[in-house]
Amino acid sequence: MSDSRLLEHMWPWIEEQFGFALRDAATDTPIVAALPEDAQHPLIAVRAGGLVAVAARQEWVEGVRQIVEDLHADLLFSIVGAYELSRVTLPDDVTVWGPIPGYVADGTTWISADDDRPVRLTQEQVGEIDWSLFWHSGGPKSLAHFGIYEDGRLIALSSLSDHGHNIWEIGVDVAPDLKARGLGTAVVGAAGDFALTEGAVLYASAALWNVPSGRSLRRMGMRYTYSAMLGRPGPFLVPPQPIGEPLPGTPLYDYYPRWAMNKGIREQPSS
């Protein structure tokens, strides 16, 4: 199955977030439109199948349009776009985050991890989860949770969240001191196997700087299908440096000396 066919699974959910039928409005130039008042996000941008669209609060539309007209799509869907769009939204305490790569799989692309370590968690076990540690995993109201325990300690967790339109998102976290043991792949595999038996389409995101997570998703048959930018309330957050390495044991060096790095970056305020 091609990526364009996987994208067909996603259009209903994408269009729901925009509040109108994007494909009916498709043109060769980027679409800039106002969001409905009850929109889930204050700003959303999508680059998918040759289409580029940005929808925002009505009062931001003109400012957003000027930025979209000035930036090539490659720049708009990059840290450059996050910075420039946030120039419009930050006066209203909204920041733009992205780009967010969307990975999708169905039964024709999925490759099972075939790992017997994960177990499906009971409600009692879900109630014991430290969500400050497993914060990528969807939260206690997710459809199902799959974890790996070691000496009674939960060390890896994957959860499934229902976005409607038969789309289930996989979230995953591994205890920070136990990376590079295949734990994330194992729990994602268990969650994906379960979702597919229920007839769902799988969705996951892995930030561009998170090289190991993106590799893991692609190995399991999840294919990059579209890219998004999202507005969300709160301070401007700067992505971290890339994690992972090109080849095992590859030395990594900062291209710039430490004195040349952005000294204005602060620790994220505690919630």
C-alpha atoms as a PDB file:
ATOM      1  CA  MET A   1       0.000   0.000   0.000  1.00  0.00           C
ATOM      2  CA  SER A   2       1.391   3.409  -0.934  1.00  0.00           C
ATOM      3  CA  ASP A   3       1.652   6.354   1.433  1.00  0.00           C
ATOM      4  CA  SER A   4      -1.096   8.125  -0.532  1.00  0.00           C
ATOM      5  CA  ARG A   5      -3.483   5.285   0.229  1.00  0.00           C
ATOM      6  CA  LEU A   6      -2.548   5.398   3.901  1.00  0.00           C
ATOM      7  CA  LEU A   7      -3.309   9.113   3.796  1.00  0.00           C
ATOM      8  CA  GLU A   8      -6.859   8.290   2.710  1.00  0.00           C
ATOM      9  CA  HIS A   9      -7.383   6.728   6.139  1.00  0.00           C
ATOM     10  CA  MET A  10      -6.364   9.999   7.794  1.00  0.00           C
ATOM     11  CA  TRP A  11      -8.277  12.622   5.817  1.00  0.00           C
ATOM     12  CA  PRO A  12     -11.520  12.426   7.850  1.00  0.00           C
ATOM     13  CA  TRP A  13      -9.639  13.067  11.113  1.00  0.00           C
ATOM     14  CA  ILE A  14      -7.490  15.825   9.588  1.00  0.00           C
ATOM     15  CA  GLU A  15     -10.518  17.568   8.093  1.00  0.00           C
ATOM     16  CA  GLU A  16     -12.390  17.299  11.386  1.00  0.00           C
ATOM     17  CA  GLN A  17      -9.618  19.302  13.053  1.00  0.00           C
ATOM     18  CA  PHE A  18      -9.765  21.947  10.319  1.00  0.00           C
ATOM     19  CA  GLY A  19     -13.544  22.173  10.382  1.00  0.00           C
ATOM     20  CA  PHE A  20     -14.007  21.949   6.616  1.00  0.00           C
ATOM     21  CA  ALA A  21     -13.347  19.598   3.689  1.00  0.00           C
ATOM     22  CA  LEU A  22      -9.749  20.350   2.781  1.00  0.00           C
ATOM     23  CA  ARG A  23      -9.729  18.167  -0.295  1.00  0.00           C
ATOM     24  CA  ASP A  24     -12.663  20.076  -1.799  1.00  0.00           C
ATOM     25  CA  ALA A  25     -10.705  23.320  -1.384  1.00  0.00           C
ATOM     26  CA  ALA A  26      -7.397  21.952  -2.676  1.00  0.00           C
ATOM     27  CA  THR A  27      -5.402  24.249  -4.970  1.00  0.00           C
ATOM     28  CA  ASP A  28      -1.808  24.526  -6.161  1.00  0.00           C
ATOM     29  CA  THR A  29      -1.234  27.328  -3.639  1.00  0.00           C
ATOM     30  CA  PRO A  30      -1.369  27.011   0.166  1.00  0.00           C
ATOM     31  CA  ILE A  31      -4.782  27.297   1.790  1.00  0.00           C
ATOM     32  CA  VAL A  32      -5.087  29.813   4.653  1.00  0.00           C
ATOM     33  CA  ALA A  33      -8.437  29.880   6.434  1.00  0.00           C
ATOM     34  CA  ALA A  34     -10.181  30.722   9.687  1.00  0.00           C
ATOM     35  CA  LEU A  35     -10.946  27.948  12.141  1.00  0.00           C
ATOM     36  CA  PRO A  36     -14.412  27.384  13.565  1.00  0.00           C
ATOM     37  CA  GLU A  37     -14.844  28.760  17.086  1.00  0.00           C
ATOM     38  CA  ASP A  38     -15.042  25.275  18.615  1.00  0.00           C
ATOM     39  CA  ALA A  39     -11.821  24.059  16.957  1.00  0.00           C
ATOM     40  CA  GLN A  40      -9.637  21.658  18.921  1.00  0.00           C
ATOM     41  CA  HIS A  41      -6.456  23.709  18.311  1.00  0.00           C
ATOM     42  CA  PRO A  42      -6.046  27.498  17.955  1.00  0.00           C
ATOM     43  CA  LEU A  43      -3.855  26.884  14.896  1.00  0.00           C
ATOM     44  CA  ILE A  44      -3.249  23.817  12.747  1.00  0.00           C
ATOM     45  CA  ALA A  45      -1.179  23.363   9.610  1.00  0.00           C
ATOM     46  CA  VAL A  46      -0.916  20.241   7.465  1.00  0.00           C
ATOM     47  CA  ARG A  47       1.297  19.254   4.550  1.00  0.00           C
ATOM     48  CA  ALA A  48      -0.090  16.122   2.944  1.00  0.00           C
ATOM     49  CA  GLY A  49      -0.240  14.668  -0.544  1.00  0.00           C
ATOM     50  CA  GLY A  50       0.918  17.893  -2.192  1.00  0.00           C
ATOM     51  CA  LEU A  51      -1.570  20.020  -0.229  1.00  0.00           C
ATOM     52  CA  VAL A  52      -0.482  22.726   2.228  1.00  0.00           C
ATOM     53  CA  ALA A  53      -3.122  24.219   4.511  1.00  0.00           C
ATOM     54  CA  VAL A  54      -3.074  26.441   7.588  1.00  0.00           C
ATOM     55  CA  ALA A  55      -6.132  27.316   9.651  1.00  0.00           C
ATOM     56  CA  ALA A  56      -6.059  29.699  12.600  1.00  0.00           C
ATOM     57  CA  ARG A  57      -8.194  31.955  14.741  1.00  0.00           C
ATOM     58  CA  GLN A  58      -9.902  34.597  12.661  1.00  0.00           C
ATOM     59  CA  GLU A  59      -7.847  37.437  14.159  1.00  0.00           C
ATOM     60  CA  TRP A  60      -4.595  35.722  13.131  1.00  0.00           C
ATOM     61  CA  VAL A  61      -5.521  34.850   9.559  1.00  0.00           C
ATOM     62  CA  GLU A  62      -4.032  37.891   7.845  1.00  0.00           C
ATOM     63  CA  GLY A  63      -0.760  37.671   9.745  1.00  0.00           C
ATOM     64  CA  VAL A  64      -0.547  33.929   9.088  1.00  0.00           C
ATOM     65  CA  ARG A  65      -1.286  34.490   5.393  1.00  0.00           C
ATOM     66  CA  GLN A  66       1.665  36.872   5.048  1.00  0.00           C
ATOM     67  CA  ILE A  67       4.005  34.295   6.609  1.00  0.00           C
ATOM     68  CA  VAL A  68       2.673  31.435   4.475  1.00  0.00           C
ATOM     69  CA  GLU A  69       3.066  33.502   1.305  1.00  0.00           C
ATOM     70  CA  ASP A  70       6.643  34.388   2.281  1.00  0.00           C
ATOM     71  CA  LEU A  71       7.863  30.882   3.200  1.00  0.00           C
ATOM     72  CA  HIS A  72       8.367  27.853   0.974  1.00  0.00           C
ATOM     73  CA  ALA A  73       6.570  24.801   2.371  1.00  0.00           C
ATOM     74  CA  ASP A  74       9.939  23.271   3.314  1.00  0.00           C
ATOM     75  CA  LEU A  75      10.592  26.262   5.578  1.00  0.00           C
ATOM     76  CA  LEU A  76       7.028  26.571   6.851  1.00  0.00           C
ATOM     77  CA  PHE A  77       7.138  22.963   8.066  1.00  0.00           C
ATOM     78  CA  SER A  78      10.370  23.376   9.996  1.00  0.00           C
ATOM     79  CA  ILE A  79      11.611  25.175  13.095  1.00  0.00           C
ATOM     80  CA  VAL A  80      11.623  28.303  10.910  1.00  0.00           C
ATOM     81  CA  GLY A  81       7.861  28.030  10.497  1.00  0.00           C
ATOM     82  CA  ALA A  82       7.352  27.423  14.220  1.00  0.00           C
ATOM     83  CA  TYR A  83       9.278  30.600  15.022  1.00  0.00           C
ATOM     84  CA  GLU A  84       7.600  32.767  12.370  1.00  0.00           C
ATOM     85  CA  LEU A  85       4.035  31.602  13.022  1.00  0.00           C
ATOM     86  CA  SER A  86       4.581  32.114  16.743  1.00  0.00           C
ATOM     87  CA  ARG A  87       5.282  35.795  16.047  1.00  0.00           C
ATOM     88  CA  VAL A  88       1.568  36.022  15.264  1.00  0.00           C
ATOM     89  CA  THR A  89       0.233  33.810  18.069  1.00  0.00           C
ATOM     90  CA  LEU A  90       2.475  34.634  21.048  1.00  0.00           C
ATOM     91  CA  PRO A  91       0.765  37.965  21.865  1.00  0.00           C
ATOM     92  CA  ASP A  92      -2.250  35.769  22.734  1.00  0.00           C
ATOM     93  CA  ASP A  93      -0.111  33.314  24.771  1.00  0.00           C
ATOM     94  CA  VAL A  94      -0.205  30.602  22.102  1.00  0.00           C
ATOM     95  CA  THR A  95       2.943  28.992  20.718  1.00  0.00           C
ATOM     96  CA  VAL A  96       3.381  26.897  17.579  1.00  0.00           C
ATOM     97  CA  TRP A  97       5.011  23.459  17.836  1.00  0.00           C
ATOM     98  CA  GLY A  98       6.272  21.296  15.035  1.00  0.00           C
ATOM     99  CA  PRO A  99       6.747  19.959  12.512  1.00  0.00           C
ATOM    100  CA  ILE A 100       5.122  16.757  13.743  1.00  0.00           C
ATOM    101  CA  PRO A 101       5.633  13.817  11.360  1.00  0.00           C
ATOM    102  CA  GLY A 102       2.595  11.532  11.183  1.00  0.00           C
ATOM    103  CA  TYR A 103       3.301   7.808  10.779  1.00  0.00           C
ATOM    104  CA  VAL A 104       0.462   5.498   9.710  1.00  0.00           C
ATOM    105  CA  ALA A 105       0.068   1.742   9.299  1.00  0.00           C
ATOM    106  CA  ASP A 106      -2.682  -0.751   8.590  1.00  0.00           C
ATOM    107  CA  GLY A 107      -2.753  -4.499   8.206  1.00  0.00           C
ATOM    108  CA  THR A 108      -0.958  -4.372   4.857  1.00  0.00           C
ATOM    109  CA  THR A 109       2.117  -2.535   6.171  1.00  0.00           C
ATOM    110  CA  TRP A 110       2.382  -3.496   9.845  1.00  0.00           C
ATOM    111  CA  ILE A 111       5.281  -5.735  10.946  1.00  0.00           C
ATOM    112  CA  SER A 112       4.672  -7.360  14.312  1.00  0.00           C
ATOM    113  CA  ALA A 113       7.438  -7.247  16.929  1.00  0.00           C
ATOM    114  CA  ASP A 114       6.575 -10.829  17.931  1.00  0.00           C
ATOM    115  CA  ASP A 115       7.805 -10.243  21.499  1.00  0.00           C
ATOM    116  CA  ASP A 116       6.238 -12.062  24.458  1.00  0.00           C
ATOM    117  CA  ARG A 117       7.414  -9.645  27.173  1.00  0.00           C
ATOM    118  CA  PRO A 118       4.518  -7.124  27.110  1.00  0.00           C
ATOM    119  CA  VAL A 119       1.292  -7.766  29.028  1.00  0.00           C
ATOM    120  CA  ARG A 120      -2.013  -5.950  28.819  1.00  0.00           C
ATOM    121  CA  LEU A 121      -2.453  -3.938  32.001  1.00  0.00           C
ATOM    122  CA  THR A 122      -5.423  -4.369  34.298  1.00  0.00           C
ATOM    123  CA  GLN A 123      -7.366  -1.359  35.554  1.00  0.00           C
ATOM    124  CA  GLU A 124      -5.650  -1.795  38.910  1.00  0.00           C
ATOM    125  CA  GLN A 125      -2.240  -1.662  37.247  1.00  0.00           C
ATOM    126  CA  VAL A 126      -3.272   1.412  35.227  1.00  0.00           C
ATOM    127  CA  GLY A 127      -4.224   3.116  38.483  1.00  0.00           C
ATOM    128  CA  GLU A 128      -0.682   2.627  39.788  1.00  0.00           C
ATOM    129  CA  ILE A 129       1.096   4.251  36.813  1.00  0.00           C
ATOM    130  CA  ASP A 130       3.236   7.331  37.462  1.00  0.00           C
ATOM    131  CA  TRP A 131       2.010   9.486  34.583  1.00  0.00           C
ATOM    132  CA  SER A 132       4.730  12.066  35.158  1.00  0.00           C
ATOM    133  CA  LEU A 133       7.158   9.363  34.004  1.00  0.00           C
ATOM    134  CA  PHE A 134       4.991   7.794  31.265  1.00  0.00           C
ATOM    135  CA  TRP A 135       3.590  11.054  29.939  1.00  0.00           C
ATOM    136  CA  HIS A 136       3.801  10.177  26.233  1.00  0.00           C
ATOM    137  CA  SER A 137       1.548   7.177  26.666  1.00  0.00           C
ATOM    138  CA  GLY A 138      -1.934   8.627  26.403  1.00  0.00           C
ATOM    139  CA  GLY A 139      -3.055   8.746  30.016  1.00  0.00           C
ATOM    140  CA  PRO A 140      -5.383   6.621  32.155  1.00  0.00           C
ATOM    141  CA  LYS A 141      -8.404   7.042  29.858  1.00  0.00           C
ATOM    142  CA  SER A 142      -6.729   5.336  26.878  1.00  0.00           C
ATOM    143  CA  LEU A 143      -8.444   2.351  25.285  1.00  0.00           C
ATOM    144  CA  ALA A 144      -5.787  -0.162  26.326  1.00  0.00           C
ATOM    145  CA  HIS A 145      -2.315  -0.237  27.863  1.00  0.00           C
ATOM    146  CA  PHE A 146       0.533  -2.686  27.276  1.00  0.00           C
ATOM    147  CA  GLY A 147       3.562  -2.786  29.535  1.00  0.00           C
ATOM    148  CA  ILE A 148       6.698  -4.637  30.515  1.00  0.00           C
ATOM    149  CA  TYR A 149       7.496  -5.228  34.169  1.00  0.00           C
ATOM    150  CA  GLU A 150      10.904  -6.022  35.632  1.00  0.00           C
ATOM    151  CA  ASP A 151      11.138  -7.042  39.298  1.00  0.00           C
ATOM    152  CA  GLY A 152       7.657  -5.625  39.816  1.00  0.00           C
ATOM    153  CA  ARG A 153       8.554  -2.257  38.265  1.00  0.00           C
ATOM    154  CA  LEU A 154       6.835  -0.937  35.139  1.00  0.00           C
ATOM    155  CA  ILE A 155       9.694  -0.132  32.758  1.00  0.00           C
ATOM    156  CA  ALA A 156       7.923   0.357  29.401  1.00  0.00           C
ATOM    157  CA  LEU A 157       4.386   1.338  28.463  1.00  0.00           C
ATOM    158  CA  SER A 158       2.389   1.795  25.275  1.00  0.00           C
ATOM    159  CA  SER A 159      -1.207   3.041  25.161  1.00  0.00           C
ATOM    160  CA  LEU A 160      -3.886   3.340  22.496  1.00  0.00           C
ATOM    161  CA  SER A 161      -6.029   6.482  22.118  1.00  0.00           C
ATOM    162  CA  ASP A 162      -9.127   6.619  19.920  1.00  0.00           C
ATOM    163  CA  HIS A 163      -9.335   9.661  17.625  1.00  0.00           C
ATOM    164  CA  GLY A 164     -12.508   8.511  15.929  1.00  0.00           C
ATOM    165  CA  HIS A 165     -12.730   7.612  12.244  1.00  0.00           C
ATOM    166  CA  ASN A 166     -11.226   4.215  13.158  1.00  0.00           C
ATOM    167  CA  ILE A 167      -7.839   5.843  13.943  1.00  0.00           C
ATOM    168  CA  TRP A 168      -6.020   4.692  17.072  1.00  0.00           C
ATOM    169  CA  GLU A 169      -2.880   6.518  18.158  1.00  0.00           C
ATOM    170  CA  ILE A 170       0.005   4.653  19.782  1.00  0.00           C
ATOM    171  CA  GLY A 171       1.930   6.441  22.526  1.00  0.00           C
ATOM    172  CA  VAL A 172       5.011   4.969  24.173  1.00  0.00           C
ATOM    173  CA  ASP A 173       7.436   5.627  27.025  1.00  0.00           C
ATOM    174  CA  VAL A 174      10.404   3.711  28.400  1.00  0.00           C
ATOM    175  CA  ALA A 175      12.015   4.298  31.790  1.00  0.00           C
ATOM    176  CA  PRO A 176      14.846   6.804  31.157  1.00  0.00           C
ATOM    177  CA  ASP A 177      17.533   4.542  32.632  1.00  0.00           C
ATOM    178  CA  LEU A 178      16.626   1.568  30.423  1.00  0.00           C
ATOM    179  CA  LYS A 179      16.893   2.793  26.821  1.00  0.00           C
ATOM    180  CA  ALA A 180      18.292   0.743  23.903  1.00  0.00           C
ATOM    181  CA  ARG A 181      16.899  -2.614  25.022  1.00  0.00           C
ATOM    182  CA  GLY A 182      14.099  -2.966  22.503  1.00  0.00           C
ATOM    183  CA  LEU A 183      11.505  -2.214  25.190  1.00  0.00           C
ATOM    184  CA  GLY A 184       9.724   0.483  23.206  1.00  0.00           C
ATOM    185  CA  THR A 185       9.486  -1.679  20.106  1.00  0.00           C
ATOM    186  CA  ALA A 186       8.087  -4.545  22.180  1.00  0.00           C
ATOM    187  CA  VAL A 187       5.245  -2.570  23.778  1.00  0.00           C
ATOM    188  CA  VAL A 188       4.413  -0.685  20.582  1.00  0.00           C
ATOM    189  CA  GLY A 189       4.268  -4.030  18.813  1.00  0.00           C
ATOM    190  CA  ALA A 190       1.815  -5.413  21.362  1.00  0.00           C
ATOM    191  CA  ALA A 191      -0.386  -2.330  21.151  1.00  0.00           C
ATOM    192  CA  GLY A 192      -0.330  -2.340  17.344  1.00  0.00           C
ATOM    193  CA  ASP A 193      -1.135  -6.048  17.119  1.00  0.00           C
ATOM    194  CA  PHE A 194      -4.142  -5.515  19.383  1.00  0.00           C
ATOM    195  CA  ALA A 195      -5.397  -2.470  17.460  1.00  0.00           C
ATOM    196  CA  LEU A 196      -5.232  -4.284  14.147  1.00  0.00           C
ATOM    197  CA  THR A 197      -7.202  -7.230  15.504  1.00  0.00           C
ATOM    198  CA  GLU A 198      -9.879  -4.637  16.345  1.00  0.00           C
ATOM    199  CA  GLY A 199      -9.829  -3.366  12.753  1.00  0.00           C
ATOM    200  CA  ALA A 200      -8.244   0.009  13.546  1.00  0.00           C
ATOM    201  CA  VAL A 201      -5.716   2.063  11.579  1.00  0.00           C
ATOM    202  CA  LEU A 202      -2.535   2.874  13.519  1.00  0.00           C
ATOM    203  CA  TYR A 203      -1.193   6.407  13.931  1.00  0.00           C
ATOM    204  CA  ALA A 204       1.940   7.572  15.751  1.00  0.00           C
ATOM    205  CA  SER A 205       4.184  10.606  15.792  1.00  0.00           C
ATOM    206  CA  ALA A 206       7.920  10.817  16.435  1.00  0.00           C
ATOM    207  CA  ALA A 207       9.625  14.193  16.448  1.00  0.00           C
ATOM    208  CA  LEU A 208      12.316  14.715  13.835  1.00  0.00           C
ATOM    209  CA  TRP A 209      14.975  15.053  16.529  1.00  0.00           C
ATOM    210  CA  ASN A 210      13.961  11.683  18.028  1.00  0.00           C
ATOM    211  CA  VAL A 211      15.858   9.582  15.511  1.00  0.00           C
ATOM    212  CA  PRO A 212      15.612   6.240  17.399  1.00  0.00           C
ATOM    213  CA  SER A 213      11.816   6.444  17.735  1.00  0.00           C
ATOM    214  CA  GLY A 214      11.359   7.266  14.059  1.00  0.00           C
ATOM    215  CA  ARG A 215      13.571   4.341  13.078  1.00  0.00           C
ATOM    216  CA  SER A 216      11.612   2.009  15.338  1.00  0.00           C
ATOM    217  CA  LEU A 217       8.256   3.043  13.851  1.00  0.00           C
ATOM    218  CA  ARG A 218       9.512   2.598  10.295  1.00  0.00           C
ATOM    219  CA  ARG A 219      10.905  -0.845  11.099  1.00  0.00           C
ATOM    220  CA  MET A 220       7.437  -1.857  12.254  1.00  0.00           C
ATOM    221  CA  GLY A 221       5.821  -0.866   8.976  1.00  0.00           C
ATOM    222  CA  MET A 222       4.594   2.582   9.958  1.00  0.00           C
ATOM    223  CA  ARG A 223       5.078   4.994   7.072  1.00  0.00           C
ATOM    224  CA  TYR A 224       5.572   8.720   7.126  1.00  0.00           C
ATOM    225  CA  THR A 225       2.360  10.067   5.629  1.00  0.00           C
ATOM    226  CA  TYR A 226       1.968  13.776   6.457  1.00  0.00           C
ATOM    227  CA  SER A 227       3.371  16.607   8.572  1.00  0.00           C
ATOM    228  CA  ALA A 228       1.563  18.946  10.967  1.00  0.00           C
ATOM    229  CA  MET A 229       2.150  22.118  12.982  1.00  0.00           C
ATOM    230  CA  LEU A 230      -0.013  22.842  16.035  1.00  0.00           C
ATOM    231  CA  GLY A 231      -0.750  25.908  18.111  1.00  0.00           C
ATOM    232  CA  ARG A 232      -1.072  25.348  21.835  1.00  0.00           C
ATOM    233  CA  PRO A 233      -1.332  27.574  24.897  1.00  0.00           C
ATOM    234  CA  GLY A 234       1.826  28.173  26.854  1.00  0.00           C
ATOM    235  CA  PRO A 235       5.407  29.376  26.499  1.00  0.00           C
ATOM    236  CA  PHE A 236       7.526  28.943  23.397  1.00  0.00           C
ATOM    237  CA  LEU A 237       9.253  25.547  23.610  1.00  0.00           C
ATOM    238  CA  VAL A 238      12.513  24.889  21.764  1.00  0.00           C
ATOM    239  CA  PRO A 239      13.107  21.332  20.508  1.00  0.00           C
ATOM    240  CA  PRO A 240      16.109  19.518  22.000  1.00  0.00           C
ATOM    241  CA  GLN A 241      19.173  18.454  20.083  1.00  0.00           C
ATOM    242  CA  PRO A 242      18.825  15.213  18.107  1.00  0.00           C
ATOM    243  CA  ILE A 243      19.089  12.011  20.108  1.00  0.00           C
ATOM    244  CA  GLY A 244      20.495   8.727  18.849  1.00  0.00           C
ATOM    245  CA  GLU A 245      23.434   8.184  16.479  1.00  0.00           C
ATOM    246  CA  PRO A 246      23.880   7.357  12.758  1.00  0.00           C
ATOM    247  CA  LEU A 247      25.733   4.108  13.522  1.00  0.00           C
ATOM    248  CA  PRO A 248      26.342   2.428  16.893  1.00  0.00           C
ATOM    249  CA  GLY A 249      29.327   3.979  18.613  1.00  0.00           C
ATOM    250  CA  THR A 250      29.525   6.997  16.290  1.00  0.00           C
ATOM    251  CA  PRO A 251      31.127   9.914  18.179  1.00  0.00           C
ATOM    252  CA  LEU A 252      28.841  12.964  18.153  1.00  0.00           C
ATOM    253  CA  TYR A 253      30.205  16.496  18.244  1.00  0.00           C
ATOM    254  CA  ASP A 254      28.565  19.886  18.602  1.00  0.00           C
ATOM    255  CA  TYR A 255      29.027  21.748  15.323  1.00  0.00           C
ATOM    256  CA  TYR A 256      29.057  25.077  17.194  1.00  0.00           C
ATOM    257  CA  PRO A 257      31.127  25.798  20.304  1.00  0.00           C
ATOM    258  CA  ARG A 258      29.103  26.061  23.497  1.00  0.00           C
ATOM    259  CA  TRP A 259      29.660  29.817  23.698  1.00  0.00           C
ATOM    260  CA  ALA A 260      27.863  30.220  20.348  1.00  0.00           C
ATOM    261  CA  MET A 261      24.719  28.332  21.383  1.00  0.00           C
ATOM    262  CA  ASN A 262      21.455  30.045  22.294  1.00  0.00           C
ATOM    263  CA  LYS A 263      21.957  31.341  25.819  1.00  0.00           C
ATOM    264  CA  GLY A 264      18.359  32.487  26.052  1.00  0.00           C
ATOM    265  CA  ILE A 265      16.956  28.943  26.420  1.00  0.00           C
ATOM    266  CA  ARG A 266      15.629  28.312  29.922  1.00  0.00           C
ATOM    267  CA  GLU A 267      14.394  25.180  31.661  1.00  0.00           C
ATOM    268  CA  GLN A 268      10.732  24.473  30.985  1.00  0.00           C
ATOM    269  CA  PRO A 269       8.592  25.894  33.828  1.00  0.00           C
ATOM    270  CA  SER A 270       7.070  23.232  36.056  1.00  0.00           C
ATOM    271  CA  SER A 271       3.334  22.772  35.628  1.00  0.00           C
END
